[in-house]
Every structure is written in C-alpha cells, then in structure tokens.
Amino acid sequence: MPEPLLPLPPALDQLLVIRRWLELTLARVDERIGAVRAAEEQRARRPPPEPPRWWIEYGIGVSRRPDRVHTGACRITNRGKPASRESVLEVLRTVPSAIACPLCRPDSELGLLDS
C-alpha cells in the first residue's frame, strides 16, 4: 500500500486521538452543510424582487452618459441602473443623445407623446 500524504503515528492512543479529531471535524462540516442548504432553500422560496419601474441604460466609455431609458419590464438590455420616474423624465428632456427604447416605449408610458 502506498504511503499516505501524512504519515500516521504507530501508537494506538495517538491514532485514536486523530480519529476523534476527524470525527469532530466531520461533524462540524456536516453542520455547516446543513446550514448552507437551509439558507439556499430559504432563498429559493423567496419570491424574486419586483423589477424597477424605470431603467436608465448608460453608454460605454469614460463619460458613461445616459444612452437609453426603458420601462422596468423591458428585456432588451441588462445594462444600466434602476431609476425614478423623475430621473427618467430629466434624462429624456436634458440629454440630447438619450433616446426612449423603441421596444418598450417609456416615452409613451410617461405621457411625453401626448403633449
């Protein structure tokens, strides 16, 4: 039989101490596994968070200026940050390069097309 990574002592009392230590360590690992599994099950049972009502997508590069605005239900992008109605309106009114997403039409939902 090949020699193990760590040589074991020849004395019975030393081997019993090592065995007991391994049992205690395994019990701690099993306890931690149970706690992690319980936490994962609890997380899985929680409903997903509500999507934000509005979303601002930012361009790439140094300036990272607002590029597009979306409704929270739009799935065209996952880049950007949740935003308030007021900040979306401000972006559409003050940033000339920012556009409303042509798919989810936040400008229509905001009432900008009505006026």
C-alpha atoms as a PDB file:
ATOM      1  CA  MET A   1       0.000   0.000   0.000  1.00  0.00           C
ATOM      2  CA  PRO A   2       1.429   3.446  -0.903  1.00  0.00           C
ATOM      3  CA  GLU A   3       2.408   5.771   1.906  1.00  0.00           C
ATOM      4  CA  PRO A   4      -0.316   8.357   2.686  1.00  0.00           C
ATOM      5  CA  LEU A   5       0.352  12.078   2.305  1.00  0.00           C
ATOM      6  CA  LEU A   6       0.872  12.452   6.044  1.00  0.00           C
ATOM      7  CA  PRO A   7       2.454   9.525   7.815  1.00  0.00           C
ATOM      8  CA  LEU A   8       0.356   8.221  10.695  1.00  0.00           C
ATOM      9  CA  PRO A   9       1.864   7.551  14.090  1.00  0.00           C
ATOM     10  CA  PRO A  10       2.329   3.928  15.131  1.00  0.00           C
ATOM     11  CA  ALA A  11       0.852   4.289  18.654  1.00  0.00           C
ATOM     12  CA  LEU A  12      -2.793   3.293  19.199  1.00  0.00           C
ATOM     13  CA  ASP A  13      -3.590   6.170  21.571  1.00  0.00           C
ATOM     14  CA  GLN A  14      -2.310   8.708  19.040  1.00  0.00           C
ATOM     15  CA  LEU A  15      -4.322   7.108  16.247  1.00  0.00           C
ATOM     16  CA  LEU A  16      -7.462   7.235  18.420  1.00  0.00           C
ATOM     17  CA  VAL A  17      -6.905  10.932  19.101  1.00  0.00           C
ATOM     18  CA  ILE A  18      -6.562  11.593  15.362  1.00  0.00           C
ATOM     19  CA  ARG A  19      -9.699   9.564  14.688  1.00  0.00           C
ATOM     20  CA  ARG A  20     -11.671  11.541  17.277  1.00  0.00           C
ATOM     21  CA  TRP A  21     -10.426  14.836  15.856  1.00  0.00           C
ATOM     22  CA  LEU A  22     -11.519  13.747  12.381  1.00  0.00           C
ATOM     23  CA  GLU A  23     -14.971  12.756  13.713  1.00  0.00           C
ATOM     24  CA  LEU A  24     -15.405  16.164  15.356  1.00  0.00           C
ATOM     25  CA  THR A  25     -14.209  17.957  12.221  1.00  0.00           C
ATOM     26  CA  LEU A  26     -16.587  15.937  10.047  1.00  0.00           C
ATOM     27  CA  ALA A  27     -19.460  16.775  12.409  1.00  0.00           C
ATOM     28  CA  ARG A  28     -18.652  20.492  12.078  1.00  0.00           C
ATOM     29  CA  VAL A  29     -18.533  20.195   8.279  1.00  0.00           C
ATOM     30  CA  ASP A  30     -21.869  18.329   8.244  1.00  0.00           C
ATOM     31  CA  GLU A  31     -23.407  21.020  10.453  1.00  0.00           C
ATOM     32  CA  ARG A  32     -22.188  23.766   8.116  1.00  0.00           C
ATOM     33  CA  ILE A  33     -23.510  21.870   5.067  1.00  0.00           C
ATOM     34  CA  GLY A  34     -26.926  21.690   6.746  1.00  0.00           C
ATOM     35  CA  ALA A  35     -26.906  25.421   7.494  1.00  0.00           C
ATOM     36  CA  VAL A  36     -25.886  26.325   3.923  1.00  0.00           C
ATOM     37  CA  ARG A  37     -28.551  24.032   2.447  1.00  0.00           C
ATOM     38  CA  ALA A  38     -31.218  25.548   4.707  1.00  0.00           C
ATOM     39  CA  ALA A  39     -30.175  29.073   3.683  1.00  0.00           C
ATOM     40  CA  GLU A  40     -30.254  28.122  -0.013  1.00  0.00           C
ATOM     41  CA  GLU A  41     -33.715  26.556   0.354  1.00  0.00           C
ATOM     42  CA  GLN A  42     -34.974  29.663   2.136  1.00  0.00           C
ATOM     43  CA  ARG A  43     -33.544  31.885  -0.627  1.00  0.00           C
ATOM     44  CA  ALA A  44     -35.171  29.706  -3.289  1.00  0.00           C
ATOM     45  CA  ARG A  45     -38.577  30.024  -1.587  1.00  0.00           C
ATOM     46  CA  ARG A  46     -38.479  33.829  -1.564  1.00  0.00           C
ATOM     47  CA  PRO A  47     -40.258  35.481  -4.470  1.00  0.00           C
ATOM     48  CA  PRO A  48     -37.982  37.362  -6.861  1.00  0.00           C
ATOM     49  CA  PRO A  49     -37.750  41.096  -6.262  1.00  0.00           C
ATOM     50  CA  GLU A  50     -40.073  43.355  -8.201  1.00  0.00           C
ATOM     51  CA  PRO A  51     -38.409  44.784 -11.309  1.00  0.00           C
ATOM     52  CA  PRO A  52     -37.779  48.521 -11.177  1.00  0.00           C
ATOM     53  CA  ARG A  53     -40.468  50.663 -12.766  1.00  0.00           C
ATOM     54  CA  TRP A  54     -37.905  52.553 -14.857  1.00  0.00           C
ATOM     55  CA  TRP A  55     -34.412  51.786 -16.094  1.00  0.00           C
ATOM     56  CA  ILE A  56     -31.619  54.012 -17.450  1.00  0.00           C
ATOM     57  CA  GLU A  57     -29.086  52.372 -19.747  1.00  0.00           C
ATOM     58  CA  TYR A  58     -25.672  54.023 -19.886  1.00  0.00           C
ATOM     59  CA  GLY A  59     -23.234  54.098 -22.781  1.00  0.00           C
ATOM     60  CA  ILE A  60     -19.749  52.681 -22.658  1.00  0.00           C
ATOM     61  CA  GLY A  61     -16.581  54.684 -22.328  1.00  0.00           C
ATOM     62  CA  VAL A  62     -15.238  57.264 -19.951  1.00  0.00           C
ATOM     63  CA  SER A  63     -18.258  59.555 -19.858  1.00  0.00           C
ATOM     64  CA  ARG A  64     -20.882  56.792 -19.417  1.00  0.00           C
ATOM     65  CA  ARG A  65     -23.681  59.183 -20.296  1.00  0.00           C
ATOM     66  CA  PRO A  66     -27.311  58.040 -20.319  1.00  0.00           C
ATOM     67  CA  ASP A  67     -27.953  56.295 -23.624  1.00  0.00           C
ATOM     68  CA  ARG A  68     -31.498  54.916 -23.442  1.00  0.00           C
ATOM     69  CA  VAL A  69     -34.368  54.770 -20.998  1.00  0.00           C
ATOM     70  CA  HIS A  70     -36.587  51.737 -20.552  1.00  0.00           C
ATOM     71  CA  THR A  71     -39.597  50.604 -18.610  1.00  0.00           C
ATOM     72  CA  GLY A  72     -38.823  48.091 -15.896  1.00  0.00           C
ATOM     73  CA  ALA A  73     -40.429  45.297 -17.896  1.00  0.00           C
ATOM     74  CA  CYS A  74     -38.163  45.778 -20.929  1.00  0.00           C
ATOM     75  CA  ARG A  75     -35.854  42.821 -21.587  1.00  0.00           C
ATOM     76  CA  ILE A  76     -33.765  44.357 -24.366  1.00  0.00           C
ATOM     77  CA  THR A  77     -30.818  45.045 -22.026  1.00  0.00           C
ATOM     78  CA  ASN A  78     -29.488  44.225 -18.587  1.00  0.00           C
ATOM     79  CA  ARG A  79     -27.031  47.117 -18.504  1.00  0.00           C
ATOM     80  CA  GLY A  80     -27.915  50.190 -16.560  1.00  0.00           C
ATOM     81  CA  LYS A  81     -29.467  51.164 -13.266  1.00  0.00           C
ATOM     82  CA  PRO A  82     -32.957  51.362 -11.793  1.00  0.00           C
ATOM     83  CA  ALA A  83     -34.303  54.905 -11.857  1.00  0.00           C
ATOM     84  CA  SER A  84     -37.195  57.013 -10.640  1.00  0.00           C
ATOM     85  CA  ARG A  85     -39.831  58.490 -12.928  1.00  0.00           C
ATOM     86  CA  GLU A  86     -38.382  61.958 -12.339  1.00  0.00           C
ATOM     87  CA  SER A  87     -34.848  60.954 -13.289  1.00  0.00           C
ATOM     88  CA  VAL A  88     -36.055  59.236 -16.465  1.00  0.00           C
ATOM     89  CA  LEU A  89     -38.017  62.351 -17.435  1.00  0.00           C
ATOM     90  CA  GLU A  90     -34.988  64.525 -16.727  1.00  0.00           C
ATOM     91  CA  VAL A  91     -32.745  62.340 -18.898  1.00  0.00           C
ATOM     92  CA  LEU A  92     -35.199  62.406 -21.801  1.00  0.00           C
ATOM     93  CA  ARG A  93     -35.575  66.181 -21.556  1.00  0.00           C
ATOM     94  CA  THR A  94     -31.975  67.224 -20.907  1.00  0.00           C
ATOM     95  CA  VAL A  95     -29.661  64.674 -22.565  1.00  0.00           C
ATOM     96  CA  PRO A  96     -29.938  65.155 -26.338  1.00  0.00           C
ATOM     97  CA  SER A  97     -28.282  61.827 -27.171  1.00  0.00           C
ATOM     98  CA  ALA A  98     -30.546  59.788 -24.864  1.00  0.00           C
ATOM     99  CA  ILE A  99     -33.483  58.058 -26.521  1.00  0.00           C
ATOM    100  CA  ALA A 100     -36.531  56.190 -25.359  1.00  0.00           C
ATOM    101  CA  CYS A 101     -36.343  52.465 -26.082  1.00  0.00           C
ATOM    102  CA  PRO A 102     -38.304  51.749 -29.272  1.00  0.00           C
ATOM    103  CA  LEU A 103     -39.381  48.360 -27.911  1.00  0.00           C
ATOM    104  CA  CYS A 104     -40.899  49.224 -24.518  1.00  0.00           C
ATOM    105  CA  ARG A 105     -41.791  52.874 -25.340  1.00  0.00           C
ATOM    106  CA  PRO A 106     -41.255  54.558 -21.938  1.00  0.00           C
ATOM    107  CA  ASP A 107     -41.948  57.960 -23.517  1.00  0.00           C
ATOM    108  CA  SER A 108     -45.485  56.806 -24.275  1.00  0.00           C
ATOM    109  CA  GLU A 109     -45.979  55.438 -20.772  1.00  0.00           C
ATOM    110  CA  LEU A 110     -44.612  58.662 -19.290  1.00  0.00           C
ATOM    111  CA  GLY A 111     -47.093  60.682 -21.310  1.00  0.00           C
ATOM    112  CA  LEU A 112     -44.445  62.560 -23.285  1.00  0.00           C
ATOM    113  CA  LEU A 113     -46.038  61.732 -26.615  1.00  0.00           C
ATOM    114  CA  ASP A 114     -49.431  63.094 -25.544  1.00  0.00           C
ATOM    115  CA  SER A 115     -48.280  66.693 -25.144  1.00  0.00           C
END
